PDB file of N, CA and C in Angstrom:
ATOM      1  N   GLN A   1      91.683 123.866 130.216  1.00  0.00           N
ATOM      2  CA  GLN A   1      93.209 123.240 130.320  1.00  0.00           C
ATOM      3  C   GLN A   1      93.617 123.579 128.314  1.00  0.00           C
ATOM      4  N   VAL A   2      94.552 123.823 128.299  1.00  0.00           N
ATOM      5  CA  VAL A   2      95.584 124.453 127.151  1.00  0.00           C
ATOM      6  C   VAL A   2      96.273 123.198 126.484  1.00  0.00           C
ATOM      7  N   GLN A   3      95.987 122.938 125.592  1.00  0.00           N
ATOM      8  CA  GLN A   3      96.344 121.969 124.465  1.00  0.00           C
ATOM      9  C   GLN A   3      97.370 122.622 123.798  1.00  0.00           C
ATOM     10  N   LEU A   4      98.506 122.186 122.765  1.00  0.00           N
ATOM     11  CA  LEU A   4      99.070 122.732 121.853  1.00  0.00           C
ATOM     12  C   LEU A   4      99.567 121.590 121.246  1.00  0.00           C
ATOM     13  N   VAL A   5      98.928 121.261 119.896  1.00  0.00           N
ATOM     14  CA  VAL A   5      99.040 120.227 118.677  1.00  0.00           C
ATOM     15  C   VAL A   5     100.052 121.124 117.977  1.00  0.00           C
ATOM     16  N   GLU A   6     101.358 119.890 117.900  1.00  0.00           N
ATOM     17  CA  GLU A   6     102.459 120.955 116.557  1.00  0.00           C
ATOM     18  C   GLU A   6     101.872 119.605 115.318  1.00  0.00           C
ATOM     19  N   SER A   7     102.704 120.108 114.364  1.00  0.00           N
ATOM     20  CA  SER A   7     102.649 119.578 112.941  1.00  0.00           C
ATOM     21  C   SER A   7     103.782 119.945 112.154  1.00  0.00           C
ATOM     22  N   GLY A   8     103.899 118.692 111.361  1.00  0.00           N
ATOM     23  CA  GLY A   8     104.994 120.010 110.286  1.00  0.00           C
ATOM     24  C   GLY A   8     106.251 119.011 110.042  1.00  0.00           C
ATOM     25  N   GLY A   9     106.719 118.158 111.100  1.00  0.00           N
ATOM     26  CA  GLY A   9     107.361 117.742 111.212  1.00  0.00           C
ATOM     27  C   GLY A   9     107.996 116.766 110.392  1.00  0.00           C
ATOM     28  N   GLY A  10     108.979 116.509 109.607  1.00  0.00           N
ATOM     29  CA  GLY A  10     109.612 114.938 109.306  1.00  0.00           C
ATOM     30  C   GLY A  10     110.947 115.453 108.976  1.00  0.00           C
ATOM     31  N   LEU A  11     111.311 114.227 107.587  1.00  0.00           N
ATOM     32  CA  LEU A  11     112.420 114.111 107.435  1.00  0.00           C
ATOM     33  C   LEU A  11     112.579 115.154 106.018  1.00  0.00           C
ATOM     34  N   VAL A  12     113.944 115.619 105.507  1.00  0.00           N
ATOM     35  CA  VAL A  12     114.349 116.551 104.694  1.00  0.00           C
ATOM     36  C   VAL A  12     115.443 116.501 104.177  1.00  0.00           C
ATOM     37  N   GLN A  13     115.913 116.743 103.325  1.00  0.00           N
ATOM     38  CA  GLN A  13     117.744 116.492 102.782  1.00  0.00           C
ATOM     39  C   GLN A  13     118.281 118.159 103.375  1.00  0.00           C
ATOM     40  N   PRO A  14     119.498 117.844 103.643  1.00  0.00           N
ATOM     41  CA  PRO A  14     120.231 119.314 103.655  1.00  0.00           C
ATOM     42  C   PRO A  14     120.075 120.336 102.510  1.00  0.00           C
ATOM     43  N   GLY A  15     119.489 121.717 103.153  1.00  0.00           N
ATOM     44  CA  GLY A  15     119.142 122.881 102.220  1.00  0.00           C
ATOM     45  C   GLY A  15     118.165 122.709 101.942  1.00  0.00           C
ATOM     46  N   GLY A  16     117.076 121.782 102.199  1.00  0.00           N
ATOM     47  CA  GLY A  16     115.740 121.631 102.174  1.00  0.00           C
ATOM     48  C   GLY A  16     114.969 122.606 103.374  1.00  0.00           C
ATOM     49  N   SER A  17     112.865 122.154 102.965  1.00  0.00           N
ATOM     50  CA  SER A  17     112.466 123.522 103.657  1.00  0.00           C
ATOM     51  C   SER A  17     111.431 122.698 104.369  1.00  0.00           C
ATOM     52  N   LEU A  18     110.852 123.297 105.866  1.00  0.00           N
ATOM     53  CA  LEU A  18     109.630 122.588 106.209  1.00  0.00           C
ATOM     54  C   LEU A  18     108.870 123.519 107.093  1.00  0.00           C
ATOM     55  N   ARG A  19     107.627 123.682 107.275  1.00  0.00           N
ATOM     56  CA  ARG A  19     107.166 124.673 107.995  1.00  0.00           C
ATOM     57  C   ARG A  19     105.811 123.753 109.232  1.00  0.00           C
ATOM     58  N   LEU A  20     106.820 124.002 110.416  1.00  0.00           N
ATOM     59  CA  LEU A  20     105.889 123.577 111.697  1.00  0.00           C
ATOM     60  C   LEU A  20     105.298 124.359 111.877  1.00  0.00           C
ATOM     61  N   ALA A  21     104.536 123.980 112.669  1.00  0.00           N
ATOM     62  CA  ALA A  21     102.867 124.494 112.864  1.00  0.00           C
ATOM     63  C   ALA A  21     102.037 124.132 114.545  1.00  0.00           C
ATOM     64  N   CYS A  22     101.807 124.904 115.691  1.00  0.00           N
ATOM     65  CA  CYS A  22     101.659 124.962 116.294  1.00  0.00           C
ATOM     66  C   CYS A  22     100.141 125.334 116.308  1.00  0.00           C
ATOM     67  N   THR A  23      98.798 125.095 117.094  1.00  0.00           N
ATOM     68  CA  THR A  23      97.496 125.081 116.873  1.00  0.00           C
ATOM     69  C   THR A  23      97.109 124.688 118.424  1.00  0.00           C
ATOM     70  N   ALA A  24      96.585 125.853 118.955  1.00  0.00           N
ATOM     71  CA  ALA A  24      96.103 126.114 120.348  1.00  0.00           C
ATOM     72  C   ALA A  24      94.626 126.508 120.395  1.00  0.00           C
ATOM     73  N   SER A  25      94.351 125.382 121.522  1.00  0.00           N
ATOM     74  CA  SER A  25      93.280 125.386 121.778  1.00  0.00           C
ATOM     75  C   SER A  25      92.929 125.620 123.512  1.00  0.00           C
ATOM     76  N   GLY A  26      91.709 126.057 124.160  1.00  0.00           N
ATOM     77  CA  GLY A  26      91.094 126.070 125.436  1.00  0.00           C
ATOM     78  C   GLY A  26      92.161 127.156 126.110  1.00  0.00           C
ATOM     79  N   THR A  27      91.961 128.337 125.346  1.00  0.00           N
ATOM     80  CA  THR A  27      93.367 129.517 125.755  1.00  0.00           C
ATOM     81  C   THR A  27      92.445 130.588 124.682  1.00  0.00           C
ATOM     82  N   ILE A  28      93.160 132.098 125.020  1.00  0.00           N
ATOM     83  CA  ILE A  28      93.031 133.122 124.261  1.00  0.00           C
ATOM     84  C   ILE A  28      94.155 133.325 123.954  1.00  0.00           C
ATOM     85  N   PHE A  29      94.223 132.665 122.517  1.00  0.00           N
ATOM     86  CA  PHE A  29      95.859 132.607 122.272  1.00  0.00           C
ATOM     87  C   PHE A  29      96.505 133.856 121.516  1.00  0.00           C
ATOM     88  N   GLY A  30      96.009 134.640 121.702  1.00  0.00           N
ATOM     89  CA  GLY A  30      96.528 136.167 121.616  1.00  0.00           C
ATOM     90  C   GLY A  30      97.423 136.836 122.723  1.00  0.00           C
ATOM     91  N   LEU A  31      97.374 136.454 123.697  1.00  0.00           N
ATOM     92  CA  LEU A  31      97.864 137.379 125.083  1.00  0.00           C
ATOM     93  C   LEU A  31      98.620 136.576 125.201  1.00  0.00           C
ATOM     94  N   PHE A  32      99.132 135.408 124.833  1.00  0.00           N
ATOM     95  CA  PHE A  32     100.450 134.634 124.862  1.00  0.00           C
ATOM     96  C   PHE A  32     101.577 134.765 124.204  1.00  0.00           C
ATOM     97  N   GLY A  33     102.786 134.969 124.564  1.00  0.00           N
ATOM     98  CA  GLY A  33     103.813 134.836 124.034  1.00  0.00           C
ATOM     99  C   GLY A  33     104.135 133.404 123.629  1.00  0.00           C
ATOM    100  N   MET A  34     104.631 132.820 122.266  1.00  0.00           N
ATOM    101  CA  MET A  34     104.888 131.632 121.341  1.00  0.00           C
ATOM    102  C   MET A  34     106.567 131.655 121.241  1.00  0.00           C
ATOM    103  N   ASN A  35     107.120 130.440 121.408  1.00  0.00           N
ATOM    104  CA  ASN A  35     108.036 130.221 121.407  1.00  0.00           C
ATOM    105  C   ASN A  35     107.773 128.463 120.747  1.00  0.00           C
ATOM    106  N   TRP A  36     109.071 128.277 119.957  1.00  0.00           N
ATOM    107  CA  TRP A  36     109.462 127.141 120.000  1.00  0.00           C
ATOM    108  C   TRP A  36     110.685 126.640 119.855  1.00  0.00           C
ATOM    109  N   TYR A  37     110.808 125.746 120.893  1.00  0.00           N
ATOM    110  CA  TYR A  37     112.006 125.043 121.402  1.00  0.00           C
ATOM    111  C   TYR A  37     112.607 123.163 120.709  1.00  0.00           C
ATOM    112  N   ARG A  38     114.298 123.073 120.302  1.00  0.00           N
ATOM    113  CA  ARG A  38     114.463 122.133 120.355  1.00  0.00           C
ATOM    114  C   ARG A  38     115.461 121.676 121.286  1.00  0.00           C
ATOM    115  N   GLN A  39     115.111 120.143 120.662  1.00  0.00           N
ATOM    116  CA  GLN A  39     116.410 119.144 121.763  1.00  0.00           C
ATOM    117  C   GLN A  39     116.981 118.409 120.944  1.00  0.00           C
ATOM    118  N   ALA A  40     118.401 117.947 120.643  1.00  0.00           N
ATOM    119  CA  ALA A  40     119.044 116.821 120.316  1.00  0.00           C
ATOM    120  C   ALA A  40     119.316 115.913 120.772  1.00  0.00           C
ATOM    121  N   PRO A  41     119.314 114.920 120.509  1.00  0.00           N
ATOM    122  CA  PRO A  41     119.921 113.621 121.210  1.00  0.00           C
ATOM    123  C   PRO A  41     120.889 113.930 121.874  1.00  0.00           C
ATOM    124  N   GLY A  42     120.873 113.930 123.191  1.00  0.00           N
ATOM    125  CA  GLY A  42     122.217 114.302 124.676  1.00  0.00           C
ATOM    126  C   GLY A  42     122.655 115.517 124.389  1.00  0.00           C
ATOM    127  N   LYS A  43     121.625 116.329 123.797  1.00  0.00           N
ATOM    128  CA  LYS A  43     121.255 117.643 124.190  1.00  0.00           C
ATOM    129  C   LYS A  43     120.934 118.553 125.134  1.00  0.00           C
ATOM    130  N   GLN A  44     121.076 120.036 125.367  1.00  0.00           N
ATOM    131  CA  GLN A  44     119.745 119.854 126.277  1.00  0.00           C
ATOM    132  C   GLN A  44     118.718 121.600 125.513  1.00  0.00           C
ATOM    133  N   ARG A  45     117.648 121.347 126.427  1.00  0.00           N
ATOM    134  CA  ARG A  45     116.238 121.890 125.448  1.00  0.00           C
ATOM    135  C   ARG A  45     117.027 123.196 124.979  1.00  0.00           C
ATOM    136  N   GLU A  46     116.744 123.807 123.809  1.00  0.00           N
ATOM    137  CA  GLU A  46     117.020 124.958 123.386  1.00  0.00           C
ATOM    138  C   GLU A  46     116.098 125.655 122.995  1.00  0.00           C
ATOM    139  N   LEU A  47     116.093 127.390 122.953  1.00  0.00           N
ATOM    140  CA  LEU A  47     115.399 128.211 122.080  1.00  0.00           C
ATOM    141  C   LEU A  47     115.593 128.537 121.246  1.00  0.00           C
ATOM    142  N   VAL A  48     114.850 128.081 120.229  1.00  0.00           N
ATOM    143  CA  VAL A  48     114.551 128.050 118.909  1.00  0.00           C
ATOM    144  C   VAL A  48     114.964 129.647 118.659  1.00  0.00           C
ATOM    145  N   ALA A  49     113.202 130.096 118.797  1.00  0.00           N
ATOM    146  CA  ALA A  49     112.738 131.103 118.282  1.00  0.00           C
ATOM    147  C   ALA A  49     111.309 131.500 118.844  1.00  0.00           C
ATOM    148  N   GLY A  50     111.125 133.076 119.020  1.00  0.00           N
ATOM    149  CA  GLY A  50     109.821 133.204 119.512  1.00  0.00           C
ATOM    150  C   GLY A  50     109.455 134.925 118.949  1.00  0.00           C
ATOM    151  N   ILE A  51     107.856 134.904 119.733  1.00  0.00           N
ATOM    152  CA  ILE A  51     107.357 135.766 119.096  1.00  0.00           C
ATOM    153  C   ILE A  51     106.190 135.832 120.146  1.00  0.00           C
ATOM    154  N   SER A  52     106.133 137.356 120.201  1.00  0.00           N
ATOM    155  CA  SER A  52     105.559 138.022 121.481  1.00  0.00           C
ATOM    156  C   SER A  52     104.082 138.108 120.990  1.00  0.00           C
ATOM    157  N   SER A  53     102.870 138.686 122.442  1.00  0.00           N
ATOM    158  CA  SER A  53     101.682 138.779 121.336  1.00  0.00           C
ATOM    159  C   SER A  53     100.918 140.068 120.792  1.00  0.00           C
ATOM    160  N   THR A  54     102.685 141.101 120.665  1.00  0.00           N
ATOM    161  CA  THR A  54     102.543 142.046 119.752  1.00  0.00           C
ATOM    162  C   THR A  54     103.880 141.994 118.693  1.00  0.00           C
ATOM    163  N   GLU A  55     104.371 140.423 118.487  1.00  0.00           N
ATOM    164  CA  GLU A  55     105.018 140.288 117.736  1.00  0.00           C
ATOM    165  C   GLU A  55     106.488 140.649 117.067  1.00  0.00           C
ATOM    166  N   ASN A  56     106.808 141.280 118.467  1.00  0.00           N
ATOM    167  CA  ASN A  56     108.162 141.126 118.507  1.00  0.00           C
ATOM    168  C   ASN A  56     108.952 139.364 118.350  1.00  0.00           C
ATOM    169  N   THR A  57     110.075 139.702 117.643  1.00  0.00           N
ATOM    170  CA  THR A  57     110.355 138.023 117.576  1.00  0.00           C
ATOM    171  C   THR A  57     112.034 138.226 118.085  1.00  0.00           C
ATOM    172  N   ASN A  58     111.785 136.906 118.105  1.00  0.00           N
ATOM    173  CA  ASN A  58     113.504 136.970 118.447  1.00  0.00           C
ATOM    174  C   ASN A  58     114.490 135.333 117.885  1.00  0.00           C
ATOM    175  N   TYR A  59     115.643 135.271 117.611  1.00  0.00           N
ATOM    176  CA  TYR A  59     115.958 134.124 117.188  1.00  0.00           C
ATOM    177  C   TYR A  59     117.118 133.611 117.636  1.00  0.00           C
ATOM    178  N   ALA A  60     117.646 131.814 117.910  1.00  0.00           N
ATOM    179  CA  ALA A  60     119.047 131.668 118.120  1.00  0.00           C
ATOM    180  C   ALA A  60     119.639 132.413 117.462  1.00  0.00           C
ATOM    181  N   ASP A  61     121.401 132.363 117.138  1.00  0.00           N
ATOM    182  CA  ASP A  61     122.075 132.941 116.570  1.00  0.00           C
ATOM    183  C   ASP A  61     122.348 131.661 115.715  1.00  0.00           C
ATOM    184  N   SER A  62     122.023 130.428 115.579  1.00  0.00           N
ATOM    185  CA  SER A  62     122.224 129.531 114.734  1.00  0.00           C
ATOM    186  C   SER A  62     121.134 129.318 113.652  1.00  0.00           C
ATOM    187  N   VAL A  63     120.315 130.174 113.932  1.00  0.00           N
ATOM    188  CA  VAL A  63     118.943 130.015 113.500  1.00  0.00           C
ATOM    189  C   VAL A  63     118.681 130.975 112.310  1.00  0.00           C
ATOM    190  N   LYS A  64     119.414 132.096 112.981  1.00  0.00           N
ATOM    191  CA  LYS A  64     118.991 133.866 112.359  1.00  0.00           C
ATOM    192  C   LYS A  64     119.490 133.693 110.586  1.00  0.00           C
ATOM    193  N   GLY A  65     118.324 134.214 109.823  1.00  0.00           N
ATOM    194  CA  GLY A  65     118.448 134.188 108.795  1.00  0.00           C
ATOM    195  C   GLY A  65     117.887 132.793 107.682  1.00  0.00           C
ATOM    196  N   ARG A  66     117.471 131.375 108.686  1.00  0.00           N
ATOM    197  CA  ARG A  66     117.296 131.173 107.940  1.00  0.00           C
ATOM    198  C   ARG A  66     115.442 130.539 108.464  1.00  0.00           C
ATOM    199  N   PHE A  67     115.250 131.005 109.646  1.00  0.00           N
ATOM    200  CA  PHE A  67     114.556 130.281 110.149  1.00  0.00           C
ATOM    201  C   PHE A  67     112.923 132.017 110.199  1.00  0.00           C
ATOM    202  N   THR A  68     112.040 131.210 110.601  1.00  0.00           N
ATOM    203  CA  THR A  68     111.188 132.610 110.425  1.00  0.00           C
ATOM    204  C   THR A  68     109.965 131.682 111.335  1.00  0.00           C
ATOM    205  N   ILE A  69     109.761 132.945 112.815  1.00  0.00           N
ATOM    206  CA  ILE A  69     108.720 132.885 113.047  1.00  0.00           C
ATOM    207  C   ILE A  69     107.926 133.479 112.696  1.00  0.00           C
ATOM    208  N   TYR A  70     105.845 132.763 112.713  1.00  0.00           N
ATOM    209  CA  TYR A  70     105.168 134.171 112.850  1.00  0.00           C
ATOM    210  C   TYR A  70     103.555 133.586 113.115  1.00  0.00           C
ATOM    211  N   ARG A  71     102.976 134.333 113.817  1.00  0.00           N
ATOM    212  CA  ARG A  71     101.719 133.696 114.421  1.00  0.00           C
ATOM    213  C   ARG A  71     100.052 134.449 113.554  1.00  0.00           C
ATOM    214  N   ASP A  72      99.197 133.038 113.295  1.00  0.00           N
ATOM    215  CA  ASP A  72      98.088 133.857 112.745  1.00  0.00           C
ATOM    216  C   ASP A  72      96.629 133.929 114.190  1.00  0.00           C
ATOM    217  N   ASN A  73      96.954 134.396 115.100  1.00  0.00           N
ATOM    218  CA  ASN A  73      95.981 134.699 116.103  1.00  0.00           C
ATOM    219  C   ASN A  73      94.623 134.212 115.429  1.00  0.00           C
ATOM    220  N   ALA A  74      93.349 134.749 114.402  1.00  0.00           N
ATOM    221  CA  ALA A  74      92.901 134.078 113.952  1.00  0.00           C
ATOM    222  C   ALA A  74      92.394 132.178 114.482  1.00  0.00           C
ATOM    223  N   LYS A  75      93.844 131.690 113.677  1.00  0.00           N
ATOM    224  CA  LYS A  75      93.782 130.431 113.657  1.00  0.00           C
ATOM    225  C   LYS A  75      94.245 130.104 114.852  1.00  0.00           C
ATOM    226  N   SER A  76      94.557 130.573 116.052  1.00  0.00           N
ATOM    227  CA  SER A  76      95.213 130.479 117.091  1.00  0.00           C
ATOM    228  C   SER A  76      96.361 129.626 116.874  1.00  0.00           C
ATOM    229  N   THR A  77      97.184 129.864 115.868  1.00  0.00           N
ATOM    230  CA  THR A  77      98.547 128.926 115.561  1.00  0.00           C
ATOM    231  C   THR A  77     100.037 129.873 115.266  1.00  0.00           C
ATOM    232  N   VAL A  78     100.856 128.861 115.779  1.00  0.00           N
ATOM    233  CA  VAL A  78     101.699 130.192 115.523  1.00  0.00           C
ATOM    234  C   VAL A  78     103.114 128.776 114.779  1.00  0.00           C
ATOM    235  N   TYR A  79     103.612 129.527 114.014  1.00  0.00           N
ATOM    236  CA  TYR A  79     104.739 128.601 112.452  1.00  0.00           C
ATOM    237  C   TYR A  79     105.729 129.110 112.987  1.00  0.00           C
ATOM    238  N   LEU A  80     107.013 127.754 112.451  1.00  0.00           N
ATOM    239  CA  LEU A  80     107.993 128.367 112.155  1.00  0.00           C
ATOM    240  C   LEU A  80     107.990 127.659 110.740  1.00  0.00           C
ATOM    241  N   ARG A  81     108.449 128.112 109.869  1.00  0.00           N
ATOM    242  CA  ARG A  81     109.076 128.317 108.679  1.00  0.00           C
ATOM    243  C   ARG A  81     110.868 127.948 108.283  1.00  0.00           C
ATOM    244  N   MET A  82     111.214 127.524 108.604  1.00  0.00           N
ATOM    245  CA  MET A  82     112.585 126.696 108.382  1.00  0.00           C
ATOM    246  C   MET A  82     113.260 126.757 106.694  1.00  0.00           C
ATOM    247  N   ASN A  83     114.125 127.614 106.303  1.00  0.00           N
ATOM    248  CA  ASN A  83     115.023 126.489 105.342  1.00  0.00           C
ATOM    249  C   ASN A  83     116.453 126.517 105.553  1.00  0.00           C
ATOM    250  N   SER A  84     116.634 126.563 104.764  1.00  0.00           N
ATOM    251  CA  SER A  84     118.161 126.192 104.357  1.00  0.00           C
ATOM    252  C   SER A  84     118.568 124.722 105.134  1.00  0.00           C
ATOM    253  N   LEU A  85     117.534 124.057 105.575  1.00  0.00           N
ATOM    254  CA  LEU A  85     118.058 122.765 106.759  1.00  0.00           C
ATOM    255  C   LEU A  85     119.336 122.534 106.517  1.00  0.00           C
ATOM    256  N   LYS A  86     120.326 122.441 107.977  1.00  0.00           N
ATOM    257  CA  LYS A  86     121.404 121.936 108.116  1.00  0.00           C
ATOM    258  C   LYS A  86     121.286 119.917 108.855  1.00  0.00           C
ATOM    259  N   PRO A  87     122.191 119.366 109.099  1.00  0.00           N
ATOM    260  CA  PRO A  87     121.993 118.079 109.422  1.00  0.00           C
ATOM    261  C   PRO A  87     121.865 118.478 111.316  1.00  0.00           C
ATOM    262  N   GLU A  88     122.679 119.803 111.549  1.00  0.00           N
ATOM    263  CA  GLU A  88     122.561 119.907 112.823  1.00  0.00           C
ATOM    264  C   GLU A  88     121.574 120.769 113.580  1.00  0.00           C
ATOM    265  N   ASP A  89     120.489 120.922 112.479  1.00  0.00           N
ATOM    266  CA  ASP A  89     118.553 120.978 112.666  1.00  0.00           C
ATOM    267  C   ASP A  89     118.065 120.071 113.678  1.00  0.00           C
ATOM    268  N   THR A  90     118.623 118.783 113.619  1.00  0.00           N
ATOM    269  CA  THR A  90     117.856 117.455 113.840  1.00  0.00           C
ATOM    270  C   THR A  90     117.674 117.749 114.895  1.00  0.00           C
ATOM    271  N   ALA A  91     116.113 117.532 115.021  1.00  0.00           N
ATOM    272  CA  ALA A  91     115.670 117.595 116.904  1.00  0.00           C
ATOM    273  C   ALA A  91     114.280 117.189 116.750  1.00  0.00           C
ATOM    274  N   VAL A  92     113.775 117.207 117.988  1.00  0.00           N
ATOM    275  CA  VAL A  92     112.632 117.184 118.382  1.00  0.00           C
ATOM    276  C   VAL A  92     112.180 118.535 118.327  1.00  0.00           C
ATOM    277  N   TYR A  93     111.068 119.160 118.401  1.00  0.00           N
ATOM    278  CA  TYR A  93     110.720 121.154 117.992  1.00  0.00           C
ATOM    279  C   TYR A  93     109.561 120.320 118.827  1.00  0.00           C
ATOM    280  N   TYR A  94     109.616 121.273 119.998  1.00  0.00           N
ATOM    281  CA  TYR A  94     108.495 121.417 121.053  1.00  0.00           C
ATOM    282  C   TYR A  94     107.870 122.964 120.621  1.00  0.00           C
ATOM    283  N   CYS A  95     106.587 123.484 120.814  1.00  0.00           N
ATOM    284  CA  CYS A  95     105.808 124.542 120.954  1.00  0.00           C
ATOM    285  C   CYS A  95     105.669 124.505 122.545  1.00  0.00           C
ATOM    286  N   HIS A  96     105.421 125.867 122.449  1.00  0.00           N
ATOM    287  CA  HIS A  96     105.647 126.773 124.245  1.00  0.00           C
ATOM    288  C   HIS A  96     104.584 127.694 124.118  1.00  0.00           C
ATOM    289  N   ALA A  97     103.569 127.914 124.888  1.00  0.00           N
ATOM    290  CA  ALA A  97     103.341 129.103 125.255  1.00  0.00           C
ATOM    291  C   ALA A  97     103.338 129.391 126.660  1.00  0.00           C
ATOM    292  N   ALA A  98     103.526 131.439 126.502  1.00  0.00           N
ATOM    293  CA  ALA A  98     104.197 131.710 127.978  1.00  0.00           C
ATOM    294  C   ALA A  98     102.651 133.131 128.293  1.00  0.00           C
ATOM    295  N   LEU A  99     102.874 132.967 129.437  1.00  0.00           N
ATOM    296  CA  LEU A  99     101.862 134.232 129.797  1.00  0.00           C
ATOM    297  C   LEU A  99     101.923 134.190 131.602  1.00  0.00           C
ATOM    298  N   TYR A 100     102.842 135.325 132.011  1.00  0.00           N
ATOM    299  CA  TYR A 100     102.317 135.354 133.120  1.00  0.00           C
ATOM    300  C   TYR A 100     103.413 134.552 133.941  1.00  0.00           C
ATOM    301  N   GLU A 101     102.794 133.549 134.433  1.00  0.00           N
ATOM    302  CA  GLU A 101     102.809 132.463 135.271  1.00  0.00           C
ATOM    303  C   GLU A 101     102.792 130.948 134.655  1.00  0.00           C
ATOM    304  N   TYR A 102     102.103 130.623 133.633  1.00  0.00           N
ATOM    305  CA  TYR A 102     101.561 130.253 133.258  1.00  0.00           C
ATOM    306  C   TYR A 102     102.427 129.899 131.976  1.00  0.00           C
ATOM    307  N   ASP A 103     102.961 128.411 131.589  1.00  0.00           N
ATOM    308  CA  ASP A 103     103.229 127.692 130.670  1.00  0.00           C
ATOM    309  C   ASP A 103     102.987 126.650 129.930  1.00  0.00           C
ATOM    310  N   TYR A 104     103.066 126.316 128.628  1.00  0.00           N
ATOM    311  CA  TYR A 104     102.362 125.212 128.657  1.00  0.00           C
ATOM    312  C   TYR A 104     103.035 125.067 127.348  1.00  0.00           C
ATOM    313  N   TRP A 105     103.379 123.275 127.290  1.00  0.00           N
ATOM    314  CA  TRP A 105     104.126 122.593 126.426  1.00  0.00           C
ATOM    315  C   TRP A 105     103.804 121.454 125.156  1.00  0.00           C
ATOM    316  N   GLY A 106     104.041 121.258 124.138  1.00  0.00           N
ATOM    317  CA  GLY A 106     103.617 120.618 123.125  1.00  0.00           C
ATOM    318  C   GLY A 106     103.898 119.291 122.942  1.00  0.00           C
ATOM    319  N   GLN A 107     103.280 118.374 122.690  1.00  0.00           N
ATOM    320  CA  GLN A 107     104.298 116.826 122.537  1.00  0.00           C
ATOM    321  C   GLN A 107     105.330 117.455 121.742  1.00  0.00           C
ATOM    322  N   GLY A 108     105.523 117.998 121.225  1.00  0.00           N
ATOM    323  CA  GLY A 108     107.191 117.936 120.297  1.00  0.00           C
ATOM    324  C   GLY A 108     106.325 117.007 118.580  1.00  0.00           C
ATOM    325  N   THR A 109     107.215 117.006 117.698  1.00  0.00           N
ATOM    326  CA  THR A 109     107.851 116.659 116.334  1.00  0.00           C
ATOM    327  C   THR A 109     108.995 116.652 115.723  1.00  0.00           C
ATOM    328  N   GLN A 110     109.280 115.532 115.430  1.00  0.00           N
ATOM    329  CA  GLN A 110     110.396 115.531 115.155  1.00  0.00           C
ATOM    330  C   GLN A 110     110.611 115.885 113.210  1.00  0.00           C
ATOM    331  N   VAL A 111     111.607 116.562 113.660  1.00  0.00           N
ATOM    332  CA  VAL A 111     112.509 117.442 112.814  1.00  0.00           C
ATOM    333  C   VAL A 111     113.945 116.443 112.041  1.00  0.00           C
ATOM    334  N   THR A 112     114.298 115.550 111.165  1.00  0.00           N
ATOM    335  CA  THR A 112     115.549 115.109 110.458  1.00  0.00           C
ATOM    336  C   THR A 112     115.837 115.552 109.412  1.00  0.00           C
ATOM    337  N   VAL A 113     117.544 115.752 109.215  1.00  0.00           N
ATOM    338  CA  VAL A 113     117.316 116.417 108.539  1.00  0.00           C
ATOM    339  C   VAL A 113     118.921 115.835 107.840  1.00  0.00           C
ATOM    340  N   SER A 114     118.873 115.076 107.083  1.00  0.00           N
ATOM    341  CA  SER A 114     119.869 113.942 106.498  1.00  0.00           C
ATOM    342  C   SER A 114     120.122 113.819 104.852  1.00  0.00           C
ATOM    343  N   SER A 115     120.551 112.926 104.081  1.00  0.00           N
ATOM    344  CA  SER A 115     120.709 112.827 102.818  1.00  0.00           C
ATOM    345  C   SER A 115     120.568 111.200 102.517  1.00  0.00           C
TER     346      SER A 115
END
């Protein structure tokens, strides 16, 4: 059973920073592509950033230059560093792991950007 546990969400002022973490258990973490999605109230879930097993990265246009995804395979953890946060970044952020036909989701962590 693969489990993904997110942490690091919270309330931050516009322009602030947060770092999300997602730790995996029950799998060979290094083989998985890892992604961060987010879902704002009334909106569809969207891909924010992804990192492959070979550490190729991709980002949504809305976060390029502000967010950084990286992974530490020794800790089975993927991170999302979020800088210059905007109110429109407010959402529940979900960790996602994918390998071939297998995919797994974390429970989500709330990020609220507000003054």
